[in-house]
PDB file of N, CA and C in Angstrom:
ATOM      1  N   MET A   1       0.858  -1.179   0.000  1.00  0.00           N
ATOM      2  CA  MET A   1       0.000   0.000   0.000  1.00  0.00           C
ATOM      3  C   MET A   1       0.897   1.232   0.000  1.00  0.00           C
ATOM      4  N   SER A   2       0.630   2.176  -0.873  1.00  0.00           N
ATOM      5  CA  SER A   2       1.472   3.366  -0.963  1.00  0.00           C
ATOM      6  C   SER A   2       1.073   4.384   0.094  1.00  0.00           C
ATOM      7  N   LEU A   3       1.972   5.333   0.344  1.00  0.00           N
ATOM      8  CA  LEU A   3       1.688   6.385   1.314  1.00  0.00           C
ATOM      9  C   LEU A   3       0.507   7.245   0.871  1.00  0.00           C
ATOM     10  N   GLU A   4       0.373   7.467  -0.425  1.00  0.00           N
ATOM     11  CA  GLU A   4      -0.761   8.252  -0.904  1.00  0.00           C
ATOM     12  C   GLU A   4      -2.079   7.567  -0.557  1.00  0.00           C
ATOM     13  N   CYS A   5      -2.088   6.249  -0.671  1.00  0.00           N
ATOM     14  CA  CYS A   5      -3.281   5.483  -0.317  1.00  0.00           C
ATOM     15  C   CYS A   5      -3.628   5.696   1.148  1.00  0.00           C
ATOM     16  N   ILE A   6      -2.640   5.564   2.010  1.00  0.00           N
ATOM     17  CA  ILE A   6      -2.871   5.717   3.439  1.00  0.00           C
ATOM     18  C   ILE A   6      -3.278   7.148   3.761  1.00  0.00           C
ATOM     19  N   LYS A   7      -2.620   8.095   3.159  1.00  0.00           N
ATOM     20  CA  LYS A   7      -2.904   9.502   3.421  1.00  0.00           C
ATOM     21  C   LYS A   7      -4.336   9.857   3.032  1.00  0.00           C
ATOM     22  N   ASP A   8      -4.813   9.290   1.949  1.00  0.00           N
ATOM     23  CA  ASP A   8      -6.143   9.615   1.455  1.00  0.00           C
ATOM     24  C   ASP A   8      -7.249   8.749   2.063  1.00  0.00           C
ATOM     25  N   ALA A   9      -6.865   7.735   2.778  1.00  0.00           N
ATOM     26  CA  ALA A   9      -7.857   6.824   3.357  1.00  0.00           C
ATOM     27  C   ALA A   9      -8.654   7.516   4.458  1.00  0.00           C
ATOM     28  N   LYS A  10      -9.900   7.169   4.539  1.00  0.00           N
ATOM     29  CA  LYS A  10     -10.760   7.639   5.624  1.00  0.00           C
ATOM     30  C   LYS A  10     -10.993   6.439   6.533  1.00  0.00           C
ATOM     31  N   LEU A  11     -10.032   6.203   7.423  1.00  0.00           N
ATOM     32  CA  LEU A  11     -10.067   5.001   8.244  1.00  0.00           C
ATOM     33  C   LEU A  11     -11.295   4.934   9.129  1.00  0.00           C
ATOM     34  N   GLU A  12     -11.844   6.082   9.497  1.00  0.00           N
ATOM     35  CA  GLU A  12     -13.040   6.072  10.346  1.00  0.00           C
ATOM     36  C   GLU A  12     -14.258   5.495   9.627  1.00  0.00           C
ATOM     37  N   GLU A  13     -14.180   5.352   8.327  1.00  0.00           N
ATOM     38  CA  GLU A  13     -15.290   4.817   7.553  1.00  0.00           C
ATOM     39  C   GLU A  13     -15.078   3.355   7.151  1.00  0.00           C
ATOM     40  N   THR A  14     -14.103   2.704   7.748  1.00  0.00           N
ATOM     41  CA  THR A  14     -13.782   1.339   7.354  1.00  0.00           C
ATOM     42  C   THR A  14     -14.391   0.311   8.302  1.00  0.00           C
ATOM     43  N   GLY A  15     -14.483  -0.910   7.828  1.00  0.00           N
ATOM     44  CA  GLY A  15     -14.931  -2.007   8.676  1.00  0.00           C
ATOM     45  C   GLY A  15     -13.972  -2.245   9.827  1.00  0.00           C
ATOM     46  N   PHE A  16     -12.687  -2.024   9.576  1.00  0.00           N
ATOM     47  CA  PHE A  16     -11.689  -2.173  10.639  1.00  0.00           C
ATOM     48  C   PHE A  16     -11.997  -1.232  11.798  1.00  0.00           C
ATOM     49  N   ASN A  17     -12.279   0.006  11.489  1.00  0.00           N
ATOM     50  CA  ASN A  17     -12.581   0.988  12.529  1.00  0.00           C
ATOM     51  C   ASN A  17     -13.840   0.587  13.307  1.00  0.00           C
ATOM     52  N   TYR A  18     -14.848   0.117  12.603  1.00  0.00           N
ATOM     53  CA  TYR A  18     -16.082  -0.299  13.277  1.00  0.00           C
ATOM     54  C   TYR A  18     -15.808  -1.475  14.218  1.00  0.00           C
ATOM     55  N   THR A  19     -15.069  -2.466  13.716  1.00  0.00           N
ATOM     56  CA  THR A  19     -14.747  -3.622  14.549  1.00  0.00           C
ATOM     57  C   THR A  19     -13.966  -3.191  15.785  1.00  0.00           C
ATOM     58  N   MET A  20     -12.976  -2.334  15.593  1.00  0.00           N
ATOM     59  CA  MET A  20     -12.179  -1.858  16.726  1.00  0.00           C
ATOM     60  C   MET A  20     -13.032  -1.086  17.724  1.00  0.00           C
ATOM     61  N   SER A  21     -14.010  -0.354  17.244  1.00  0.00           N
ATOM     62  CA  SER A  21     -14.868   0.405  18.162  1.00  0.00           C
ATOM     63  C   SER A  21     -15.665  -0.532  19.074  1.00  0.00           C
ATOM     64  N   LEU A  22     -15.929  -1.736  18.606  1.00  0.00           N
ATOM     65  CA  LEU A  22     -16.676  -2.705  19.406  1.00  0.00           C
ATOM     66  C   LEU A  22     -15.795  -3.450  20.406  1.00  0.00           C
ATOM     67  N   ILE A  23     -14.537  -3.719  20.045  1.00  0.00           N
ATOM     68  CA  ILE A  23     -13.712  -4.584  20.886  1.00  0.00           C
ATOM     69  C   ILE A  23     -12.565  -3.878  21.589  1.00  0.00           C
ATOM     70  N   GLN A  24     -12.331  -2.607  21.274  1.00  0.00           N
ATOM     71  CA  GLN A  24     -11.215  -1.950  21.949  1.00  0.00           C
ATOM     72  C   GLN A  24     -11.603  -1.564  23.366  1.00  0.00           C
ATOM     73  N   GLY A  25     -10.640  -1.485  24.182  1.00  0.00           N
ATOM     74  CA  GLY A  25     -10.830  -1.251  25.601  1.00  0.00           C
ATOM     75  C   GLY A  25      -9.984  -2.250  26.346  1.00  0.00           C
ATOM     76  N   LYS A  26      -9.663  -1.948  27.557  1.00  0.00           N
ATOM     77  CA  LYS A  26      -8.704  -2.769  28.300  1.00  0.00           C
ATOM     78  C   LYS A  26      -9.178  -4.204  28.516  1.00  0.00           C
ATOM     79  N   TYR A  27     -10.486  -4.404  28.709  1.00  0.00           N
ATOM     80  CA  TYR A  27     -10.962  -5.726  29.111  1.00  0.00           C
ATOM     81  C   TYR A  27     -11.945  -6.387  28.159  1.00  0.00           C
ATOM     82  N   LYS A  28     -12.404  -5.697  27.127  1.00  0.00           N
ATOM     83  CA  LYS A  28     -13.438  -6.277  26.268  1.00  0.00           C
ATOM     84  C   LYS A  28     -13.006  -7.594  25.634  1.00  0.00           C
ATOM     85  N   MET A  29     -11.800  -7.632  25.124  1.00  0.00           N
ATOM     86  CA  MET A  29     -11.362  -8.861  24.469  1.00  0.00           C
ATOM     87  C   MET A  29     -11.136  -9.979  25.484  1.00  0.00           C
ATOM     88  N   PHE A  30     -10.736  -9.638  26.706  1.00  0.00           N
ATOM     89  CA  PHE A  30     -10.605 -10.660  27.747  1.00  0.00           C
ATOM     90  C   PHE A  30     -11.972 -11.274  28.056  1.00  0.00           C
ATOM     91  N   ILE A  31     -12.987 -10.430  28.142  1.00  0.00           N
ATOM     92  CA  ILE A  31     -14.336 -10.914  28.423  1.00  0.00           C
ATOM     93  C   ILE A  31     -14.828 -11.800  27.277  1.00  0.00           C
ATOM     94  N   LEU A  32     -14.659 -11.336  26.057  1.00  0.00           N
ATOM     95  CA  LEU A  32     -15.079 -12.130  24.903  1.00  0.00           C
ATOM     96  C   LEU A  32     -14.328 -13.459  24.863  1.00  0.00           C
ATOM     97  N   TYR A  33     -13.049 -13.416  25.157  1.00  0.00           N
ATOM     98  CA  TYR A  33     -12.237 -14.632  25.143  1.00  0.00           C
ATOM     99  C   TYR A  33     -12.705 -15.607  26.227  1.00  0.00           C
ATOM    100  N   ALA A  34     -13.005 -15.086  27.420  1.00  0.00           N
ATOM    101  CA  ALA A  34     -13.498 -15.939  28.510  1.00  0.00           C
ATOM    102  C   ALA A  34     -14.830 -16.577  28.133  1.00  0.00           C
ATOM    103  N   LEU A  35     -15.730 -15.804  27.554  1.00  0.00           N
ATOM    104  CA  LEU A  35     -17.025 -16.344  27.143  1.00  0.00           C
ATOM    105  C   LEU A  35     -16.861 -17.352  26.013  1.00  0.00           C
ATOM    106  N   MET A  36     -15.889 -17.113  25.147  1.00  0.00           N
ATOM    107  CA  MET A  36     -15.612 -18.053  24.072  1.00  0.00           C
ATOM    108  C   MET A  36     -15.146 -19.388  24.661  1.00  0.00           C
ATOM    109  N   GLY A  37     -14.307 -19.329  25.673  1.00  0.00           N
ATOM    110  CA  GLY A  37     -13.738 -20.539  26.236  1.00  0.00           C
ATOM    111  C   GLY A  37     -14.633 -21.256  27.225  1.00  0.00           C
ATOM    112  N   TYR A  38     -15.404 -20.501  28.008  1.00  0.00           N
ATOM    113  CA  TYR A  38     -16.178 -21.095  29.090  1.00  0.00           C
ATOM    114  C   TYR A  38     -17.674 -21.127  28.832  1.00  0.00           C
ATOM    115  N   GLY A  39     -18.131 -20.516  27.757  1.00  0.00           N
ATOM    116  CA  GLY A  39     -19.565 -20.522  27.451  1.00  0.00           C
ATOM    117  C   GLY A  39     -20.315 -19.551  28.341  1.00  0.00           C
ATOM    118  N   THR A  40     -21.327 -20.018  29.022  1.00  0.00           N
ATOM    119  CA  THR A  40     -22.132 -19.185  29.913  1.00  0.00           C
ATOM    120  C   THR A  40     -21.385 -19.003  31.232  1.00  0.00           C
ATOM    121  N   VAL A  41     -21.256 -17.739  31.650  1.00  0.00           N
ATOM    122  CA  VAL A  41     -20.444 -17.407  32.823  1.00  0.00           C
ATOM    123  C   VAL A  41     -21.205 -16.442  33.717  1.00  0.00           C
ATOM    124  N   ARG A  42     -21.143 -16.686  35.005  1.00  0.00           N
ATOM    125  CA  ARG A  42     -21.732 -15.763  35.977  1.00  0.00           C
ATOM    126  C   ARG A  42     -20.763 -14.613  36.244  1.00  0.00           C
ATOM    127  N   PHE A  43     -21.303 -13.514  36.766  1.00  0.00           N
ATOM    128  CA  PHE A  43     -20.531 -12.296  36.964  1.00  0.00           C
ATOM    129  C   PHE A  43     -19.275 -12.554  37.803  1.00  0.00           C
ATOM    130  N   ASN A  44     -19.424 -13.185  38.969  1.00  0.00           N
ATOM    131  CA  ASN A  44     -18.274 -13.398  39.850  1.00  0.00           C
ATOM    132  C   ASN A  44     -17.255 -14.361  39.251  1.00  0.00           C
ATOM    133  N   GLU A  45     -17.716 -15.326  38.462  1.00  0.00           N
ATOM    134  CA  GLU A  45     -16.788 -16.203  37.750  1.00  0.00           C
ATOM    135  C   GLU A  45     -15.948 -15.392  36.773  1.00  0.00           C
ATOM    136  N   MET A  46     -16.604 -14.489  36.050  1.00  0.00           N
ATOM    137  CA  MET A  46     -15.909 -13.653  35.084  1.00  0.00           C
ATOM    138  C   MET A  46     -14.831 -12.829  35.785  1.00  0.00           C
ATOM    139  N   LYS A  47     -15.172 -12.283  36.936  1.00  0.00           N
ATOM    140  CA  LYS A  47     -14.201 -11.490  37.698  1.00  0.00           C
ATOM    141  C   LYS A  47     -12.987 -12.339  38.051  1.00  0.00           C
ATOM    142  N   LYS A  48     -13.205 -13.579  38.433  1.00  0.00           N
ATOM    143  CA  LYS A  48     -12.087 -14.474  38.767  1.00  0.00           C
ATOM    144  C   LYS A  48     -11.235 -14.784  37.539  1.00  0.00           C
ATOM    145  N   TYR A  49     -11.873 -15.007  36.399  1.00  0.00           N
ATOM    146  CA  TYR A  49     -11.143 -15.333  35.179  1.00  0.00           C
ATOM    147  C   TYR A  49     -10.242 -14.181  34.753  1.00  0.00           C
ATOM    148  N   ILE A  50     -10.739 -12.949  34.914  1.00  0.00           N
ATOM    149  CA  ILE A  50     -10.008 -11.793  34.411  1.00  0.00           C
ATOM    150  C   ILE A  50      -8.971 -11.292  35.411  1.00  0.00           C
ATOM    151  N   GLY A  51      -9.242 -11.415  36.679  1.00  0.00           N
ATOM    152  CA  GLY A  51      -8.242 -11.029  37.671  1.00  0.00           C
ATOM    153  C   GLY A  51      -8.370  -9.598  38.137  1.00  0.00           C
ATOM    154  N   GLY A  52      -7.509  -8.705  37.693  1.00  0.00           N
ATOM    155  CA  GLY A  52      -7.383  -7.364  38.244  1.00  0.00           C
ATOM    156  C   GLY A  52      -8.488  -6.376  37.909  1.00  0.00           C
ATOM    157  N   ILE A  53      -9.564  -6.807  37.323  1.00  0.00           N
ATOM    158  CA  ILE A  53     -10.649  -5.898  36.949  1.00  0.00           C
ATOM    159  C   ILE A  53     -11.522  -5.606  38.173  1.00  0.00           C
ATOM    160  N   SER A  54     -11.950  -4.355  38.308  1.00  0.00           N
ATOM    161  CA  SER A  54     -12.843  -4.003  39.416  1.00  0.00           C
ATOM    162  C   SER A  54     -14.274  -4.409  39.069  1.00  0.00           C
ATOM    163  N   TYR A  55     -15.108  -4.520  40.098  1.00  0.00           N
ATOM    164  CA  TYR A  55     -16.522  -4.857  39.866  1.00  0.00           C
ATOM    165  C   TYR A  55     -17.189  -3.823  38.973  1.00  0.00           C
ATOM    166  N   LYS A  56     -16.912  -2.553  39.231  1.00  0.00           N
ATOM    167  CA  LYS A  56     -17.533  -1.484  38.447  1.00  0.00           C
ATOM    168  C   LYS A  56     -17.098  -1.555  36.985  1.00  0.00           C
ATOM    169  N   THR A  57     -15.801  -1.720  36.755  1.00  0.00           N
ATOM    170  CA  THR A  57     -15.304  -1.795  35.376  1.00  0.00           C
ATOM    171  C   THR A  57     -15.883  -3.003  34.654  1.00  0.00           C
ATOM    172  N   LEU A  58     -15.946  -4.139  35.335  1.00  0.00           N
ATOM    173  CA  LEU A  58     -16.533  -5.333  34.728  1.00  0.00           C
ATOM    174  C   LEU A  58     -17.991  -5.092  34.374  1.00  0.00           C
ATOM    175  N   SER A  59     -18.730  -4.495  35.286  1.00  0.00           N
ATOM    176  CA  SER A  59     -20.144  -4.221  35.049  1.00  0.00           C
ATOM    177  C   SER A  59     -20.342  -3.285  33.860  1.00  0.00           C
ATOM    178  N   VAL A  60     -19.580  -2.202  33.820  1.00  0.00           N
ATOM    179  CA  VAL A  60     -19.698  -1.225  32.725  1.00  0.00           C
ATOM    180  C   VAL A  60     -19.313  -1.864  31.394  1.00  0.00           C
ATOM    181  N   THR A  61     -18.241  -2.641  31.396  1.00  0.00           N
ATOM    182  CA  THR A  61     -17.776  -3.268  30.154  1.00  0.00           C
ATOM    183  C   THR A  61     -18.773  -4.295  29.645  1.00  0.00           C
ATOM    184  N   LEU A  62     -19.348  -5.082  30.539  1.00  0.00           N
ATOM    185  CA  LEU A  62     -20.371  -6.047  30.123  1.00  0.00           C
ATOM    186  C   LEU A  62     -21.593  -5.333  29.558  1.00  0.00           C
ATOM    187  N   LYS A  63     -21.979  -4.216  30.161  1.00  0.00           N
ATOM    188  CA  LYS A  63     -23.120  -3.446  29.639  1.00  0.00           C
ATOM    189  C   LYS A  63     -22.825  -2.913  28.242  1.00  0.00           C
ATOM    190  N   GLU A  64     -21.599  -2.463  28.007  1.00  0.00           N
ATOM    191  CA  GLU A  64     -21.230  -1.978  26.675  1.00  0.00           C
ATOM    192  C   GLU A  64     -21.283  -3.112  25.656  1.00  0.00           C
ATOM    193  N   LEU A  65     -20.746  -4.274  26.015  1.00  0.00           N
ATOM    194  CA  LEU A  65     -20.767  -5.419  25.102  1.00  0.00           C
ATOM    195  C   LEU A  65     -22.193  -5.882  24.836  1.00  0.00           C
ATOM    196  N   GLU A  66     -23.034  -5.793  25.851  1.00  0.00           N
ATOM    197  CA  GLU A  66     -24.442  -6.147  25.675  1.00  0.00           C
ATOM    198  C   GLU A  66     -25.132  -5.146  24.748  1.00  0.00           C
ATOM    199  N   ALA A  67     -24.875  -3.860  24.956  1.00  0.00           N
ATOM    200  CA  ALA A  67     -25.483  -2.817  24.114  1.00  0.00           C
ATOM    201  C   ALA A  67     -25.045  -2.956  22.652  1.00  0.00           C
ATOM    202  N   ASP A  68     -23.825  -3.449  22.443  1.00  0.00           N
ATOM    203  CA  ASP A  68     -23.316  -3.641  21.083  1.00  0.00           C
ATOM    204  C   ASP A  68     -23.770  -4.960  20.467  1.00  0.00           C
ATOM    205  N   GLY A  69     -24.527  -5.739  21.223  1.00  0.00           N
ATOM    206  CA  GLY A  69     -25.072  -6.981  20.695  1.00  0.00           C
ATOM    207  C   GLY A  69     -24.093  -8.134  20.652  1.00  0.00           C
ATOM    208  N   LEU A  70     -22.993  -8.046  21.415  1.00  0.00           N
ATOM    209  CA  LEU A  70     -21.998  -9.111  21.414  1.00  0.00           C
ATOM    210  C   LEU A  70     -22.192 -10.094  22.567  1.00  0.00           C
ATOM    211  N   VAL A  71     -22.816  -9.620  23.640  1.00  0.00           N
ATOM    212  CA  VAL A  71     -22.999 -10.426  24.845  1.00  0.00           C
ATOM    213  C   VAL A  71     -24.479 -10.425  25.224  1.00  0.00           C
ATOM    214  N   HIS A  72     -24.955 -11.590  25.653  1.00  0.00           N
ATOM    215  CA  HIS A  72     -26.327 -11.728  26.141  1.00  0.00           C
ATOM    216  C   HIS A  72     -26.289 -11.813  27.660  1.00  0.00           C
ATOM    217  N   ARG A  73     -27.181 -11.077  28.298  1.00  0.00           N
ATOM    218  CA  ARG A  73     -27.289 -11.084  29.761  1.00  0.00           C
ATOM    219  C   ARG A  73     -28.607 -11.731  30.135  1.00  0.00           C
ATOM    220  N   GLU A  74     -28.539 -12.777  30.943  1.00  0.00           N
ATOM    221  CA  GLU A  74     -29.736 -13.474  31.397  1.00  0.00           C
ATOM    222  C   GLU A  74     -29.834 -13.315  32.905  1.00  0.00           C
ATOM    223  N   GLU A  75     -30.919 -12.672  33.354  1.00  0.00           N
ATOM    224  CA  GLU A  75     -31.129 -12.434  34.781  1.00  0.00           C
ATOM    225  C   GLU A  75     -32.229 -13.357  35.279  1.00  0.00           C
ATOM    226  N   TYR A  76     -31.963 -14.045  36.375  1.00  0.00           N
ATOM    227  CA  TYR A  76     -32.928 -14.965  36.963  1.00  0.00           C
ATOM    228  C   TYR A  76     -33.526 -14.325  38.209  1.00  0.00           C
ATOM    229  N   PRO A  77     -34.859 -14.316  38.314  1.00  0.00           N
ATOM    230  CA  PRO A  77     -35.524 -13.668  39.451  1.00  0.00           C
ATOM    231  C   PRO A  77     -35.454 -14.541  40.707  1.00  0.00           C
ATOM    232  N   GLN A  78     -34.396 -14.400  41.433  1.00  0.00           N
ATOM    233  CA  GLN A  78     -34.223 -15.172  42.657  1.00  0.00           C
ATOM    234  C   GLN A  78     -33.376 -14.376  43.641  1.00  0.00           C
ATOM    235  N   ILE A  79     -33.340 -14.853  44.863  1.00  0.00           N
ATOM    236  CA  ILE A  79     -32.531 -14.230  45.898  1.00  0.00           C
ATOM    237  C   ILE A  79     -31.501 -15.265  46.326  1.00  0.00           C
ATOM    238  N   PRO A  80     -30.218 -14.997  46.310  1.00  0.00           N
ATOM    239  CA  PRO A  80     -29.577 -13.807  45.761  1.00  0.00           C
ATOM    240  C   PRO A  80     -29.695 -13.780  44.236  1.00  0.00           C
ATOM    241  N   PRO A  81     -29.543 -12.601  43.659  1.00  0.00           N
ATOM    242  CA  PRO A  81     -29.693 -12.475  42.209  1.00  0.00           C
ATOM    243  C   PRO A  81     -28.687 -13.357  41.464  1.00  0.00           C
ATOM    244  N   LYS A  82     -29.135 -13.918  40.375  1.00  0.00           N
ATOM    245  CA  LYS A  82     -28.269 -14.727  39.522  1.00  0.00           C
ATOM    246  C   LYS A  82     -28.311 -14.141  38.127  1.00  0.00           C
ATOM    247  N   VAL A  83     -27.139 -13.797  37.617  1.00  0.00           N
ATOM    248  CA  VAL A  83     -27.024 -13.237  36.276  1.00  0.00           C
ATOM    249  C   VAL A  83     -25.949 -14.019  35.540  1.00  0.00           C
ATOM    250  N   GLU A  84     -26.266 -14.432  34.323  1.00  0.00           N
ATOM    251  CA  GLU A  84     -25.319 -15.166  33.496  1.00  0.00           C
ATOM    252  C   GLU A  84     -25.089 -14.420  32.192  1.00  0.00           C
ATOM    253  N   TYR A  85     -23.884 -14.534  31.694  1.00  0.00           N
ATOM    254  CA  TYR A  85     -23.504 -13.888  30.441  1.00  0.00           C
ATOM    255  C   TYR A  85     -23.033 -14.949  29.455  1.00  0.00           C
ATOM    256  N   SER A  86     -23.363 -14.719  28.191  1.00  0.00           N
ATOM    257  CA  SER A  86     -22.920 -15.611  27.122  1.00  0.00           C
ATOM    258  C   SER A  86     -22.764 -14.789  25.850  1.00  0.00           C
ATOM    259  N   LEU A  87     -22.098 -15.371  24.878  1.00  0.00           N
ATOM    260  CA  LEU A  87     -21.949 -14.697  23.593  1.00  0.00           C
ATOM    261  C   LEU A  87     -23.237 -14.810  22.781  1.00  0.00           C
ATOM    262  N   THR A  88     -23.598 -13.754  22.104  1.00  0.00           N
ATOM    263  CA  THR A  88     -24.690 -13.807  21.140  1.00  0.00           C
ATOM    264  C   THR A  88     -24.147 -14.409  19.845  1.00  0.00           C
ATOM    265  N   GLU A  89     -25.008 -14.633  18.894  1.00  0.00           N
ATOM    266  CA  GLU A  89     -24.534 -15.105  17.590  1.00  0.00           C
ATOM    267  C   GLU A  89     -23.558 -14.097  16.987  1.00  0.00           C
ATOM    268  N   ARG A  90     -23.862 -12.826  17.174  1.00  0.00           N
ATOM    269  CA  ARG A  90     -22.966 -11.776  16.670  1.00  0.00           C
ATOM    270  C   ARG A  90     -21.617 -11.863  17.374  1.00  0.00           C
ATOM    271  N   GLY A  91     -21.633 -12.075  18.684  1.00  0.00           N
ATOM    272  CA  GLY A  91     -20.400 -12.225  19.437  1.00  0.00           C
ATOM    273  C   GLY A  91     -19.632 -13.464  19.014  1.00  0.00           C
ATOM    274  N   LYS A  92     -20.362 -14.553  18.770  1.00  0.00           N
ATOM    275  CA  LYS A  92     -19.715 -15.790  18.328  1.00  0.00           C
ATOM    276  C   LYS A  92     -19.034 -15.620  16.974  1.00  0.00           C
ATOM    277  N   SER A  93     -19.540 -14.700  16.170  1.00  0.00           N
ATOM    278  CA  SER A  93     -18.920 -14.479  14.860  1.00  0.00           C
ATOM    279  C   SER A  93     -17.519 -13.877  14.992  1.00  0.00           C
ATOM    280  N   LEU A  94     -17.162 -13.384  16.179  1.00  0.00           N
ATOM    281  CA  LEU A  94     -15.811 -12.871  16.421  1.00  0.00           C
ATOM    282  C   LEU A  94     -14.825 -13.977  16.797  1.00  0.00           C
ATOM    283  N   ILE A  95     -15.317 -15.177  17.083  1.00  0.00           N
ATOM    284  CA  ILE A  95     -14.446 -16.259  17.532  1.00  0.00           C
ATOM    285  C   ILE A  95     -13.313 -16.545  16.546  1.00  0.00           C
ATOM    286  N   PRO A  96     -13.561 -16.634  15.244  1.00  0.00           N
ATOM    287  CA  PRO A  96     -12.438 -16.880  14.336  1.00  0.00           C
ATOM    288  C   PRO A  96     -11.365 -15.792  14.415  1.00  0.00           C
ATOM    289  N   ILE A  97     -11.775 -14.559  14.621  1.00  0.00           N
ATOM    290  CA  ILE A  97     -10.807 -13.464  14.740  1.00  0.00           C
ATOM    291  C   ILE A  97      -9.989 -13.628  16.017  1.00  0.00           C
ATOM    292  N   LEU A  98     -10.658 -13.929  17.131  1.00  0.00           N
ATOM    293  CA  LEU A  98      -9.951 -14.129  18.394  1.00  0.00           C
ATOM    294  C   LEU A  98      -9.019 -15.337  18.302  1.00  0.00           C
ATOM    295  N   ASP A  99      -9.479 -16.395  17.652  1.00  0.00           N
ATOM    296  CA  ASP A  99      -8.628 -17.576  17.465  1.00  0.00           C
ATOM    297  C   ASP A  99      -7.373 -17.231  16.665  1.00  0.00           C
ATOM    298  N   MET A 100      -7.545 -16.468  15.603  1.00  0.00           N
ATOM    299  CA  MET A 100      -6.393 -16.079  14.789  1.00  0.00           C
ATOM    300  C   MET A 100      -5.415 -15.218  15.588  1.00  0.00           C
ATOM    301  N   MET A 101      -5.945 -14.336  16.435  1.00  0.00           N
ATOM    302  CA  MET A 101      -5.074 -13.515  17.273  1.00  0.00           C
ATOM    303  C   MET A 101      -4.298 -14.386  18.251  1.00  0.00           C
ATOM    304  N   CYS A 102      -4.958 -15.384  18.826  1.00  0.00           N
ATOM    305  CA  CYS A 102      -4.284 -16.314  19.740  1.00  0.00           C
ATOM    306  C   CYS A 102      -3.186 -17.077  19.010  1.00  0.00           C
ATOM    307  N   ASP A 103      -3.509 -17.583  17.839  1.00  0.00           N
ATOM    308  CA  ASP A 103      -2.530 -18.333  17.051  1.00  0.00           C
ATOM    309  C   ASP A 103      -1.327 -17.461  16.707  1.00  0.00           C
ATOM    310  N   TRP A 104      -1.594 -16.237  16.283  1.00  0.00           N
ATOM    311  CA  TRP A 104      -0.510 -15.314  15.941  1.00  0.00           C
ATOM    312  C   TRP A 104       0.369 -15.063  17.162  1.00  0.00           C
ATOM    313  N   GLY A 105      -0.253 -14.818  18.316  1.00  0.00           N
ATOM    314  CA  GLY A 105       0.497 -14.573  19.540  1.00  0.00           C
ATOM    315  C   GLY A 105       1.351 -15.757  19.941  1.00  0.00           C
ATOM    316  N   GLU A 106       0.815 -16.960  19.810  1.00  0.00           N
ATOM    317  CA  GLU A 106       1.574 -18.161  20.147  1.00  0.00           C
ATOM    318  C   GLU A 106       2.790 -18.317  19.232  1.00  0.00           C
ATOM    319  N   ARG A 107       2.612 -18.002  17.967  1.00  0.00           N
ATOM    320  CA  ARG A 107       3.716 -18.144  17.007  1.00  0.00           C
ATOM    321  C   ARG A 107       4.796 -17.088  17.205  1.00  0.00           C
ATOM    322  N   HIS A 108       4.426 -15.890  17.653  1.00  0.00           N
ATOM    323  CA  HIS A 108       5.373 -14.774  17.654  1.00  0.00           C
ATOM    324  C   HIS A 108       5.863 -14.305  19.017  1.00  0.00           C
ATOM    325  N   ARG A 109       5.327 -14.832  20.093  1.00  0.00           N
ATOM    326  CA  ARG A 109       5.789 -14.363  21.403  1.00  0.00           C
ATOM    327  C   ARG A 109       7.146 -14.985  21.723  1.00  0.00           C
ATOM    328  N   GLN A 110       7.881 -14.282  22.551  1.00  0.00           N
ATOM    329  CA  GLN A 110       9.194 -14.779  23.005  1.00  0.00           C
ATOM    330  C   GLN A 110       8.949 -15.903  23.992  1.00  0.00           C
ATOM    331  N   LYS A 111       9.614 -16.998  23.805  1.00  0.00           N
ATOM    332  CA  LYS A 111       9.451 -18.134  24.733  1.00  0.00           C
ATOM    333  C   LYS A 111      10.642 -18.256  25.631  1.00  0.00           C
TER     334      LYS A 111
END
C-alpha cells in the first residue's frame, strides 16, 4: 500500500474501525475470550477469570458489550440475584478473529 493510499484513506469509515470500536478497551477482548472458552459465565466467575478488573469496570464493560449486541445477559428472578452472560450469535462471529489472534500470539511471542 502506498503512502498516498494511506494519506487519502478515511479510516473512520472502514470495517476495521467499526470492529475496533466494538472490541477496543482494556478488558473487552478478555471478556469475549473468557465467554468463548467457558460458554455461559456468571458475573463473579468472570471477575475471577479476568483477575485485576474491578466490579464497576466489569459491570460497565459487560453493559457496553451487551449494548453492542456481542454479549447476552440473562437475569434470573431469585434471591440472591443470579445473572449469566454468554456470547450472542454476533459475538460468536468474532471467535475466528480471536482464534487467529491467539494463534498469531503463540507463534510470535518470546518463549
